[in-house]
Amino acid sequence: MRADTESLNAQFERAFYNQRLPAWGLHNQTVVVLLAALAQNA
């Protein structure tokens, strides 16, 4: 389970050029993560 979580976090870091998520607040970060997941699975 931990390896899957670390893999997902590494994918997000690569997607955002090794920076933090470009959103402030829980709801905004949730939207960014969902959209990134949709874009990757499209």
Protein backbone atom coordinates (compact mmCIF):
# COMPACT_ATOMS: atom_id res chain seq x y z
CA MET A 1 0.00 0.00 0.00
CA ARG A 2 2.80 2.40 0.87
CA ALA A 3 4.60 1.76 -2.42
CA ASP A 4 1.44 2.66 -4.35
CA THR A 5 1.06 5.91 -2.42
CA GLU A 6 4.69 6.87 -2.96
CA SER A 7 4.38 6.06 -6.66
CA LEU A 8 1.32 8.32 -6.97
CA ASN A 9 3.09 11.13 -5.11
CA ALA A 10 6.12 10.78 -7.41
CA GLN A 11 3.87 11.00 -10.47
CA PHE A 12 2.31 14.21 -9.16
CA GLU A 13 5.73 15.71 -8.45
CA ARG A 14 6.84 14.95 -12.01
CA ALA A 15 3.59 16.33 -13.42
CA PHE A 16 4.04 19.63 -11.57
CA TYR A 17 7.81 19.91 -12.25
CA ASN A 18 8.86 18.90 -8.72
CA GLN A 19 6.80 21.65 -7.10
CA ARG A 20 3.89 21.70 -4.72
CA LEU A 21 0.35 21.46 -6.00
CA PRO A 22 -0.71 24.77 -7.54
CA ALA A 23 -3.70 25.17 -5.21
CA TRP A 24 -4.40 26.40 -1.70
CA GLY A 25 -7.02 24.77 0.48
CA LEU A 26 -8.40 21.29 0.73
CA HIS A 27 -11.13 21.67 -1.88
CA ASN A 28 -8.83 23.25 -4.48
CA GLN A 29 -6.18 20.57 -3.98
CA THR A 30 -8.81 17.85 -4.30
CA VAL A 31 -9.94 19.29 -7.63
CA VAL A 32 -6.36 19.50 -8.91
CA VAL A 33 -5.65 15.88 -7.90
CA LEU A 34 -8.88 14.63 -9.51
CA LEU A 35 -8.18 16.51 -12.73
CA ALA A 36 -4.60 15.21 -12.84
CA ALA A 37 -5.88 11.65 -12.36
CA LEU A 38 -8.44 12.13 -15.13
CA ALA A 39 -5.81 13.55 -17.46
CA GLN A 40 -3.48 10.64 -16.81
CA ASN A 41 -6.21 8.05 -17.39
CA ALA A 42 -7.62 9.73 -20.50
